[in-house]
Amino acid sequence: GEGEPILIHIAGADLHPERYEDPERFDVRREGGSRSLAFGYGPHVCPGASLATREIVIAVTRFLERYPHARLALVPELLEQTASFISNGYTSIAVELS
């Protein structure tokens, strides 16, 4: 009701089908990925966003260079999502390395 506090779930904005086609599918090559609100926006943008983005690109690239045949150890539908209103993710992601 009137005067009640609200919490806006920023991550939900990146799941809107008008923003991204098939928004729940993970796609590192997705067009418009830089429009994500994961690091905030405008004067509230995370000051480490650029560094964090570069770090993950380097980490994933190096991982795949070292383990080019890495794959999930179970089907994606069995991954357990974290019980969090604030962030999206999984409790663990088991991979097989060969």
Foldseek 3Di string as FASTA:
>chain_A
DPPDDDDDALQVVQQDCVQFPNSVDDDPPGPPPVVRCPQHDDPRGNPCVVVVVVVVVVVVVVVCVVFVPKDFPDDPVPFAWDPDSHDTDGPDTDIDGD
